All heavy atoms as atom14 arrays in JSON, in Angstrom:
{
  "sequence": "FRNGRLSRREFLACRFDACDFSEADISFSRFEDCSFSGCNLSNA",
  "atom14_mask": [
    [1, 1, 1, 1, 1, 1, 1, 1, 1, 1, 1, 0, 0, 0],
    [1, 1, 1, 1, 1, 1, 1, 1, 1, 1, 1, 0, 0, 0],
    [1, 1, 1, 1, 1, 1, 1, 1, 0, 0, 0, 0, 0, 0],
    [1, 1, 1, 1, 0, 0, 0, 0, 0, 0, 0, 0, 0, 0],
    [1, 1, 1, 1, 1, 1, 1, 1, 1, 1, 1, 0, 0, 0],
    [1, 1, 1, 1, 1, 1, 1, 1, 0, 0, 0, 0, 0, 0],
    [1, 1, 1, 1, 1, 1, 0, 0, 0, 0, 0, 0, 0, 0],
    [1, 1, 1, 1, 1, 1, 1, 1, 1, 1, 1, 0, 0, 0],
    [1, 1, 1, 1, 1, 1, 1, 1, 1, 1, 1, 0, 0, 0],
    [1, 1, 1, 1, 1, 1, 1, 1, 1, 0, 0, 0, 0, 0],
    [1, 1, 1, 1, 1, 1, 1, 1, 1, 1, 1, 0, 0, 0],
    [1, 1, 1, 1, 1, 1, 1, 1, 0, 0, 0, 0, 0, 0],
    [1, 1, 1, 1, 1, 0, 0, 0, 0, 0, 0, 0, 0, 0],
    [1, 1, 1, 1, 1, 1, 0, 0, 0, 0, 0, 0, 0, 0],
    [1, 1, 1, 1, 1, 1, 1, 1, 1, 1, 1, 0, 0, 0],
    [1, 1, 1, 1, 1, 1, 1, 1, 1, 1, 1, 0, 0, 0],
    [1, 1, 1, 1, 1, 1, 1, 1, 0, 0, 0, 0, 0, 0],
    [1, 1, 1, 1, 1, 0, 0, 0, 0, 0, 0, 0, 0, 0],
    [1, 1, 1, 1, 1, 1, 0, 0, 0, 0, 0, 0, 0, 0],
    [1, 1, 1, 1, 1, 1, 1, 1, 0, 0, 0, 0, 0, 0],
    [1, 1, 1, 1, 1, 1, 1, 1, 1, 1, 1, 0, 0, 0],
    [1, 1, 1, 1, 1, 1, 0, 0, 0, 0, 0, 0, 0, 0],
    [1, 1, 1, 1, 1, 1, 1, 1, 1, 0, 0, 0, 0, 0],
    [1, 1, 1, 1, 1, 0, 0, 0, 0, 0, 0, 0, 0, 0],
    [1, 1, 1, 1, 1, 1, 1, 1, 0, 0, 0, 0, 0, 0],
    [1, 1, 1, 1, 1, 1, 1, 1, 0, 0, 0, 0, 0, 0],
    [1, 1, 1, 1, 1, 1, 0, 0, 0, 0, 0, 0, 0, 0],
    [1, 1, 1, 1, 1, 1, 1, 1, 1, 1, 1, 0, 0, 0],
    [1, 1, 1, 1, 1, 1, 0, 0, 0, 0, 0, 0, 0, 0],
    [1, 1, 1, 1, 1, 1, 1, 1, 1, 1, 1, 0, 0, 0],
    [1, 1, 1, 1, 1, 1, 1, 1, 1, 1, 1, 0, 0, 0],
    [1, 1, 1, 1, 1, 1, 1, 1, 1, 0, 0, 0, 0, 0],
    [1, 1, 1, 1, 1, 1, 1, 1, 0, 0, 0, 0, 0, 0],
    [1, 1, 1, 1, 1, 1, 0, 0, 0, 0, 0, 0, 0, 0],
    [1, 1, 1, 1, 1, 1, 0, 0, 0, 0, 0, 0, 0, 0],
    [1, 1, 1, 1, 1, 1, 1, 1, 1, 1, 1, 0, 0, 0],
    [1, 1, 1, 1, 1, 1, 0, 0, 0, 0, 0, 0, 0, 0],
    [1, 1, 1, 1, 0, 0, 0, 0, 0, 0, 0, 0, 0, 0],
    [1, 1, 1, 1, 1, 1, 0, 0, 0, 0, 0, 0, 0, 0],
    [1, 1, 1, 1, 1, 1, 1, 1, 0, 0, 0, 0, 0, 0],
    [1, 1, 1, 1, 1, 1, 1, 1, 0, 0, 0, 0, 0, 0],
    [1, 1, 1, 1, 1, 1, 0, 0, 0, 0, 0, 0, 0, 0],
    [1, 1, 1, 1, 1, 1, 1, 1, 0, 0, 0, 0, 0, 0],
    [1, 1, 1, 1, 1, 0, 0, 0, 0, 0, 0, 0, 0, 0]
  ],
  "atom14_positions": [
    [[87.12, 124.89, 58.83], [87.19, 126.32, 58.57], [85.87, 126.85, 58.02], [85.82, 127.92, 57.43], [88.32, 126.62, 57.6], [89.63, 126.0, 57.99], [90.23, 125.04, 57.18], [90.25, 126.35, 59.16], [91.44, 124.47, 57.54], [91.46, 125.77, 59.53], [92.05, 124.83, 58.72], [0.0, 0.0, 0.0], [0.0, 0.0, 0.0], [0.0, 0.0, 0.0]],
    [[84.79, 126.08, 58.18], [83.48, 126.47, 57.67], [83.11, 127.86, 58.16], [83.26, 128.17, 59.35], [82.39, 125.49, 58.11], [82.49, 124.15, 57.45], [81.49, 123.21, 58.02], [81.88, 122.95, 59.43], [81.21, 122.17, 60.23], [80.1, 121.6, 59.84], [81.63, 121.98, 61.46], [0.0, 0.0, 0.0], [0.0, 0.0, 0.0], [0.0, 0.0, 0.0]],
    [[82.65, 128.69, 57.23], [82.21, 130.06, 57.52], [83.31, 130.92, 58.14], [83.03, 131.98, 58.69], [80.99, 130.05, 58.45], [79.82, 129.34, 57.83], [79.42, 129.67, 56.72], [79.28, 128.36, 58.52], [0.0, 0.0, 0.0], [0.0, 0.0, 0.0], [0.0, 0.0, 0.0], [0.0, 0.0, 0.0], [0.0, 0.0, 0.0], [0.0, 0.0, 0.0]],
    [[84.54, 130.49, 58.07], [85.65, 131.23, 58.68], [86.18, 132.34, 57.8], [85.93, 132.39, 56.6], [0.0, 0.0, 0.0], [0.0, 0.0, 0.0], [0.0, 0.0, 0.0], [0.0, 0.0, 0.0], [0.0, 0.0, 0.0], [0.0, 0.0, 0.0], [0.0, 0.0, 0.0], [0.0, 0.0, 0.0], [0.0, 0.0, 0.0], [0.0, 0.0, 0.0]],
    [[86.92, 133.23, 58.41], [87.58, 134.32, 57.69], [89.07, 134.03, 57.63], [89.77, 134.16, 58.62], [87.33, 135.65, 58.38], [85.9, 136.15, 58.24], [85.76, 137.58, 58.69], [86.78, 138.44, 58.12], [86.64, 139.17, 57.01], [85.53, 139.12, 56.34], [87.61, 139.94, 56.57], [0.0, 0.0, 0.0], [0.0, 0.0, 0.0], [0.0, 0.0, 0.0]],
    [[89.51, 133.63, 56.44], [90.93, 133.34, 56.21], [91.46, 134.23, 55.1], [92.38, 133.86, 54.39], [91.12, 131.87, 55.83], [90.83, 130.86, 56.91], [90.85, 129.46, 56.34], [91.83, 130.98, 58.03], [0.0, 0.0, 0.0], [0.0, 0.0, 0.0], [0.0, 0.0, 0.0], [0.0, 0.0, 0.0], [0.0, 0.0, 0.0], [0.0, 0.0, 0.0]],
    [[90.86, 135.39, 54.95], [91.29, 136.27, 53.86], [92.66, 136.87, 54.17], [93.08, 136.98, 55.32], [90.26, 137.39, 53.66], [90.12, 138.16, 54.83], [0.0, 0.0, 0.0], [0.0, 0.0, 0.0], [0.0, 0.0, 0.0], [0.0, 0.0, 0.0], [0.0, 0.0, 0.0], [0.0, 0.0, 0.0], [0.0, 0.0, 0.0], [0.0, 0.0, 0.0]],
    [[93.35, 137.2, 53.06], [94.65, 137.85, 53.12], [95.7, 137.04, 53.88], [96.5, 137.57, 54.63], [94.53, 139.26, 53.69], [93.55, 140.1, 52.87], [93.53, 141.54, 53.29], [92.47, 142.26, 52.65], [92.46, 142.7, 51.39], [93.47, 142.45, 50.61], [91.43, 143.36, 50.91], [0.0, 0.0, 0.0], [0.0, 0.0, 0.0], [0.0, 0.0, 0.0]],
    [[95.68, 135.71, 53.66], [96.68, 134.81, 54.23], [97.59, 134.32, 53.12], [97.24, 134.36, 51.94], [96.03, 133.59, 54.9], [95.04, 133.88, 55.99], [95.74, 134.44, 57.23], [94.94, 134.37, 58.43], [94.01, 135.23, 58.79], [93.72, 136.22, 58.0], [93.38, 135.1, 59.93], [0.0, 0.0, 0.0], [0.0, 0.0, 0.0], [0.0, 0.0, 0.0]],
    [[98.76, 133.85, 53.48], [99.7, 133.33, 52.5], [100.09, 131.91, 52.92], [100.54, 131.69, 54.05], [100.93, 134.23, 52.46], [101.91, 133.85, 51.39], [103.0, 134.89, 51.26], [102.69, 136.04, 50.88], [104.17, 134.55, 51.56], [0.0, 0.0, 0.0], [0.0, 0.0, 0.0], [0.0, 0.0, 0.0], [0.0, 0.0, 0.0], [0.0, 0.0, 0.0]],
    [[99.89, 130.97, 52.0], [100.21, 129.57, 52.24], [101.2, 129.12, 51.18], [100.88, 129.13, 49.99], [98.95, 128.71, 52.17], [97.92, 129.06, 53.22], [96.91, 129.97, 52.93], [97.96, 128.49, 54.48], [95.95, 130.29, 53.87], [97.02, 128.82, 55.43], [96.01, 129.71, 55.13], [0.0, 0.0, 0.0], [0.0, 0.0, 0.0], [0.0, 0.0, 0.0]],
    [[102.39, 128.74, 51.58], [103.42, 128.29, 50.65], [103.78, 126.84, 50.95], [104.16, 126.51, 52.07], [104.67, 129.17, 50.78], [104.46, 130.67, 50.56], [105.73, 131.45, 50.87], [104.0, 130.94, 49.14], [0.0, 0.0, 0.0], [0.0, 0.0, 0.0], [0.0, 0.0, 0.0], [0.0, 0.0, 0.0], [0.0, 0.0, 0.0], [0.0, 0.0, 0.0]],
    [[103.65, 126.0, 49.95], [103.98, 124.57, 50.07], [103.26, 123.92, 51.24], [103.83, 123.11, 51.96], [105.49, 124.38, 50.19], [0.0, 0.0, 0.0], [0.0, 0.0, 0.0], [0.0, 0.0, 0.0], [0.0, 0.0, 0.0], [0.0, 0.0, 0.0], [0.0, 0.0, 0.0], [0.0, 0.0, 0.0], [0.0, 0.0, 0.0], [0.0, 0.0, 0.0]],
    [[102.0, 124.25, 51.4], [101.19, 123.66, 52.47], [100.32, 122.54, 51.9], [100.01, 122.51, 50.73], [100.31, 124.71, 53.13], [101.24, 125.92, 54.1], [0.0, 0.0, 0.0], [0.0, 0.0, 0.0], [0.0, 0.0, 0.0], [0.0, 0.0, 0.0], [0.0, 0.0, 0.0], [0.0, 0.0, 0.0], [0.0, 0.0, 0.0], [0.0, 0.0, 0.0]],
    [[99.93, 121.65, 52.79], [99.07, 120.52, 52.41], [97.82, 120.56, 53.27], [97.91, 120.7, 54.5], [99.82, 119.22, 52.61], [99.04, 118.01, 52.2], [99.83, 116.75, 52.43], [98.96, 115.63, 52.18], [99.11, 114.79, 51.19], [100.12, 114.94, 50.37], [98.27, 113.8, 51.02], [0.0, 0.0, 0.0], [0.0, 0.0, 0.0], [0.0, 0.0, 0.0]],
    [[96.65, 120.43, 52.62], [95.37, 120.42, 53.31], [94.7, 119.08, 53.02], [94.42, 118.76, 51.87], [94.48, 121.56, 52.81], [95.08, 122.93, 53.01], [95.84, 123.53, 52.02], [94.88, 123.6, 54.2], [96.39, 124.78, 52.2], [95.43, 124.86, 54.4], [96.18, 125.45, 53.4], [0.0, 0.0, 0.0], [0.0, 0.0, 0.0], [0.0, 0.0, 0.0]],
    [[94.46, 118.28, 54.05], [93.83, 116.97, 53.9], [92.51, 116.96, 54.67], [92.49, 117.21, 55.87], [94.73, 115.86, 54.43], [95.95, 115.64, 53.56], [95.79, 115.52, 52.34], [97.08, 115.6, 54.1], [0.0, 0.0, 0.0], [0.0, 0.0, 0.0], [0.0, 0.0, 0.0], [0.0, 0.0, 0.0], [0.0, 0.0, 0.0], [0.0, 0.0, 0.0]],
    [[91.44, 116.64, 53.95], [90.09, 116.52, 54.53], [89.7, 117.77, 55.32], [89.12, 117.68, 56.4], [90.01, 115.28, 55.42], [0.0, 0.0, 0.0], [0.0, 0.0, 0.0], [0.0, 0.0, 0.0], [0.0, 0.0, 0.0], [0.0, 0.0, 0.0], [0.0, 0.0, 0.0], [0.0, 0.0, 0.0], [0.0, 0.0, 0.0], [0.0, 0.0, 0.0]],
    [[90.0, 118.93, 54.77], [89.64, 120.2, 55.41], [88.33, 120.72, 54.81], [88.06, 120.53, 53.63], [90.74, 121.23, 55.23], [92.27, 120.83, 56.1], [0.0, 0.0, 0.0], [0.0, 0.0, 0.0], [0.0, 0.0, 0.0], [0.0, 0.0, 0.0], [0.0, 0.0, 0.0], [0.0, 0.0, 0.0], [0.0, 0.0, 0.0], [0.0, 0.0, 0.0]],
    [[87.54, 121.39, 55.64], [86.27, 121.94, 55.19], [86.34, 123.46, 55.15], [86.42, 124.11, 56.19], [85.14, 121.49, 56.13], [83.76, 121.82, 55.58], [83.67, 122.57, 54.58], [82.78, 121.32, 56.16], [0.0, 0.0, 0.0], [0.0, 0.0, 0.0], [0.0, 0.0, 0.0], [0.0, 0.0, 0.0], [0.0, 0.0, 0.0], [0.0, 0.0, 0.0]],
    [[86.37, 124.01, 53.94], [86.4, 125.45, 53.72], [85.05, 125.97, 53.22], [84.97, 127.07, 52.69], [87.46, 125.81, 52.66], [88.88, 125.56, 53.07], [89.51, 124.37, 52.74], [89.59, 126.52, 53.75], [90.83, 124.14, 53.09], [90.91, 126.31, 54.1], [91.54, 125.11, 53.78], [0.0, 0.0, 0.0], [0.0, 0.0, 0.0], [0.0, 0.0, 0.0]],
    [[83.99, 125.17, 53.36], [82.7, 125.59, 52.8], [82.23, 126.89, 53.43], [82.33, 127.09, 54.64], [81.65, 124.48, 52.97], [81.5, 124.11, 54.31], [0.0, 0.0, 0.0], [0.0, 0.0, 0.0], [0.0, 0.0, 0.0], [0.0, 0.0, 0.0], [0.0, 0.0, 0.0], [0.0, 0.0, 0.0], [0.0, 0.0, 0.0], [0.0, 0.0, 0.0]],
    [[81.77, 127.8, 52.56], [81.29, 129.13, 52.96], [82.38, 130.0, 53.6], [82.09, 131.06, 54.15], [80.1, 129.03, 53.92], [78.93, 128.22, 53.41], [78.12, 128.93, 52.33], [78.15, 130.16, 52.26], [77.46, 128.23, 51.56], [0.0, 0.0, 0.0], [0.0, 0.0, 0.0], [0.0, 0.0, 0.0], [0.0, 0.0, 0.0], [0.0, 0.0, 0.0]],
    [[83.64, 129.58, 53.55], [84.73, 130.36, 54.16], [85.14, 131.52, 53.26], [84.98, 131.47, 52.04], [85.94, 129.47, 54.43], [0.0, 0.0, 0.0], [0.0, 0.0, 0.0], [0.0, 0.0, 0.0], [0.0, 0.0, 0.0], [0.0, 0.0, 0.0], [0.0, 0.0, 0.0], [0.0, 0.0, 0.0], [0.0, 0.0, 0.0], [0.0, 0.0, 0.0]],
    [[85.67, 132.55, 53.86], [86.19, 133.7, 53.12], [87.7, 133.52, 53.03], [88.42, 133.77, 53.99], [85.84, 135.0, 53.84], [86.4, 136.23, 53.13], [87.0, 136.08, 52.05], [86.24, 137.33, 53.67], [0.0, 0.0, 0.0], [0.0, 0.0, 0.0], [0.0, 0.0, 0.0], [0.0, 0.0, 0.0], [0.0, 0.0, 0.0], [0.0, 0.0, 0.0]],
    [[88.17, 133.07, 51.86], [89.61, 132.94, 51.65], [90.06, 133.94, 50.57], [91.07, 133.75, 49.91], [90.02, 131.5, 51.28], [89.3, 131.0, 50.03], [89.78, 130.56, 52.45], [89.78, 129.64, 49.55], [0.0, 0.0, 0.0], [0.0, 0.0, 0.0], [0.0, 0.0, 0.0], [0.0, 0.0, 0.0], [0.0, 0.0, 0.0], [0.0, 0.0, 0.0]],
    [[89.3, 135.0, 50.43], [89.59, 136.0, 49.4], [90.94, 136.68, 49.66], [91.37, 136.84, 50.79], [88.47, 137.04, 49.35], [88.31, 137.67, 50.59], [0.0, 0.0, 0.0], [0.0, 0.0, 0.0], [0.0, 0.0, 0.0], [0.0, 0.0, 0.0], [0.0, 0.0, 0.0], [0.0, 0.0, 0.0], [0.0, 0.0, 0.0], [0.0, 0.0, 0.0]],
    [[91.58, 137.03, 48.56], [92.87, 137.73, 48.56], [93.96, 136.96, 49.31], [94.9, 137.55, 49.82], [92.72, 139.16, 49.1], [91.8, 139.98, 48.26], [90.48, 140.16, 48.64], [92.22, 140.53, 47.06], [89.6, 140.88, 47.86], [91.35, 141.26, 46.28], [90.03, 141.44, 46.67], [0.0, 0.0, 0.0], [0.0, 0.0, 0.0], [0.0, 0.0, 0.0]],
    [[93.82, 135.63, 49.36], [94.86, 134.78, 49.94], [95.7, 134.2, 48.82], [95.28, 134.16, 47.66], [94.24, 133.66, 50.78], [93.67, 134.18, 51.95], [0.0, 0.0, 0.0], [0.0, 0.0, 0.0], [0.0, 0.0, 0.0], [0.0, 0.0, 0.0], [0.0, 0.0, 0.0], [0.0, 0.0, 0.0], [0.0, 0.0, 0.0], [0.0, 0.0, 0.0]],
    [[96.89, 133.74, 49.16], [97.79, 133.16, 48.17], [98.09, 131.72, 48.54], [98.49, 131.44, 49.67], [99.08, 133.96, 48.11], [100.05, 133.47, 47.07], [101.22, 134.41, 46.98], [102.44, 133.63, 47.1], [103.63, 134.16, 47.28], [103.77, 135.46, 47.38], [104.69, 133.4, 47.37], [0.0, 0.0, 0.0], [0.0, 0.0, 0.0], [0.0, 0.0, 0.0]],
    [[97.86, 130.82, 47.6], [98.14, 129.41, 47.77], [99.15, 129.02, 46.69], [98.8, 128.88, 45.53], [96.86, 128.57, 47.62], [95.82, 128.9, 48.65], [94.86, 129.87, 48.39], [95.8, 128.24, 49.86], [93.89, 130.17, 49.34], [94.83, 128.54, 50.82], [93.88, 129.51, 50.55], [0.0, 0.0, 0.0], [0.0, 0.0, 0.0], [0.0, 0.0, 0.0]],
    [[100.4, 128.89, 47.06], [101.45, 128.58, 46.1], [102.08, 127.24, 46.46], [102.49, 127.02, 47.6], [102.51, 129.68, 46.1], [103.53, 129.5, 45.01], [104.43, 130.71, 44.84], [103.98, 131.85, 45.09], [105.59, 130.51, 44.45], [0.0, 0.0, 0.0], [0.0, 0.0, 0.0], [0.0, 0.0, 0.0], [0.0, 0.0, 0.0], [0.0, 0.0, 0.0]],
    [[102.14, 126.34, 45.47], [102.68, 124.99, 45.66], [101.94, 124.26, 46.78], [102.55, 123.52, 47.55], [104.18, 125.04, 45.95], [104.98, 125.58, 44.78], [104.67, 125.21, 43.64], [105.9, 126.38, 45.0], [0.0, 0.0, 0.0], [0.0, 0.0, 0.0], [0.0, 0.0, 0.0], [0.0, 0.0, 0.0], [0.0, 0.0, 0.0], [0.0, 0.0, 0.0]],
    [[100.64, 124.46, 46.86], [99.81, 123.82, 47.88], [99.02, 122.67, 47.28], [98.7, 122.68, 46.1], [98.84, 124.83, 48.51], [99.62, 126.08, 49.51], [0.0, 0.0, 0.0], [0.0, 0.0, 0.0], [0.0, 0.0, 0.0], [0.0, 0.0, 0.0], [0.0, 0.0, 0.0], [0.0, 0.0, 0.0], [0.0, 0.0, 0.0], [0.0, 0.0, 0.0]],
    [[98.68, 121.7, 48.12], [97.82, 120.61, 47.67], [96.63, 120.49, 48.61], [96.74, 120.68, 49.82], [98.6, 119.3, 47.62], [98.96, 118.88, 48.91], [0.0, 0.0, 0.0], [0.0, 0.0, 0.0], [0.0, 0.0, 0.0], [0.0, 0.0, 0.0], [0.0, 0.0, 0.0], [0.0, 0.0, 0.0], [0.0, 0.0, 0.0], [0.0, 0.0, 0.0]],
    [[95.48, 120.22, 48.0], [94.22, 120.03, 48.71], [93.75, 118.61, 48.37], [93.58, 118.29, 47.2], [93.17, 121.03, 48.25], [93.52, 122.47, 48.51], [94.36, 123.17, 47.65], [92.99, 123.13, 49.61], [94.67, 124.5, 47.89], [93.29, 124.46, 49.85], [94.14, 125.15, 48.99], [0.0, 0.0, 0.0], [0.0, 0.0, 0.0], [0.0, 0.0, 0.0]],
    [[93.55, 117.78, 49.37], [93.12, 116.42, 49.14], [91.89, 116.12, 49.99], [91.92, 116.25, 51.21], [94.25, 115.45, 49.49], [93.85, 114.12, 49.28], [0.0, 0.0, 0.0], [0.0, 0.0, 0.0], [0.0, 0.0, 0.0], [0.0, 0.0, 0.0], [0.0, 0.0, 0.0], [0.0, 0.0, 0.0], [0.0, 0.0, 0.0], [0.0, 0.0, 0.0]],
    [[90.8, 115.74, 49.31], [89.57, 115.41, 50.03], [88.95, 116.59, 50.76], [88.28, 116.41, 51.77], [0.0, 0.0, 0.0], [0.0, 0.0, 0.0], [0.0, 0.0, 0.0], [0.0, 0.0, 0.0], [0.0, 0.0, 0.0], [0.0, 0.0, 0.0], [0.0, 0.0, 0.0], [0.0, 0.0, 0.0], [0.0, 0.0, 0.0], [0.0, 0.0, 0.0]],
    [[89.15, 117.79, 50.25], [88.65, 119.0, 50.9], [87.33, 119.45, 50.29], [87.01, 119.13, 49.15], [89.67, 120.14, 50.77], [91.22, 119.84, 51.64], [0.0, 0.0, 0.0], [0.0, 0.0, 0.0], [0.0, 0.0, 0.0], [0.0, 0.0, 0.0], [0.0, 0.0, 0.0], [0.0, 0.0, 0.0], [0.0, 0.0, 0.0], [0.0, 0.0, 0.0]],
    [[86.58, 120.22, 51.05], [85.33, 120.81, 50.59], [85.5, 122.33, 50.55], [85.72, 122.95, 51.6], [84.19, 120.43, 51.54], [82.85, 120.99, 51.1], [82.73, 121.68, 50.09], [81.83, 120.71, 51.88], [0.0, 0.0, 0.0], [0.0, 0.0, 0.0], [0.0, 0.0, 0.0], [0.0, 0.0, 0.0], [0.0, 0.0, 0.0], [0.0, 0.0, 0.0]],
    [[85.43, 122.91, 49.37], [85.54, 124.36, 49.21], [84.24, 124.95, 48.68], [84.22, 126.03, 48.11], [86.69, 124.72, 48.27], [88.09, 124.57, 48.85], [88.65, 123.2, 48.63], [89.01, 125.62, 48.31], [0.0, 0.0, 0.0], [0.0, 0.0, 0.0], [0.0, 0.0, 0.0], [0.0, 0.0, 0.0], [0.0, 0.0, 0.0], [0.0, 0.0, 0.0]],
    [[83.14, 124.27, 48.9], [81.86, 124.71, 48.35], [81.48, 126.11, 48.82], [81.52, 126.4, 50.01], [80.76, 123.72, 48.75], [81.03, 122.46, 48.18], [0.0, 0.0, 0.0], [0.0, 0.0, 0.0], [0.0, 0.0, 0.0], [0.0, 0.0, 0.0], [0.0, 0.0, 0.0], [0.0, 0.0, 0.0], [0.0, 0.0, 0.0], [0.0, 0.0, 0.0]],
    [[81.14, 126.94, 47.84], [80.68, 128.3, 48.09], [81.65, 129.16, 48.89], [81.25, 130.12, 49.55], [79.3, 128.29, 48.75], [78.26, 127.63, 47.87], [78.15, 127.98, 46.69], [77.53, 126.68, 48.4], [0.0, 0.0, 0.0], [0.0, 0.0, 0.0], [0.0, 0.0, 0.0], [0.0, 0.0, 0.0], [0.0, 0.0, 0.0], [0.0, 0.0, 0.0]],
    [[82.92, 128.84, 48.81], [83.93, 129.68, 49.46], [84.12, 130.95, 48.65], [83.98, 130.96, 47.43], [85.25, 128.93, 49.58], [0.0, 0.0, 0.0], [0.0, 0.0, 0.0], [0.0, 0.0, 0.0], [0.0, 0.0, 0.0], [0.0, 0.0, 0.0], [0.0, 0.0, 0.0], [0.0, 0.0, 0.0], [0.0, 0.0, 0.0], [0.0, 0.0, 0.0]]
  ]
}
């Protein structure tokens, strides 16, 4: 998801494994009961 636009999304009880969110726009999104494992969120 590098440099991607994922703003204004809703994630409920989701799992993210080895995902790359670096430089991504995840602003105004909701992550509830979610887990991130081995992910890169640098400068998101």
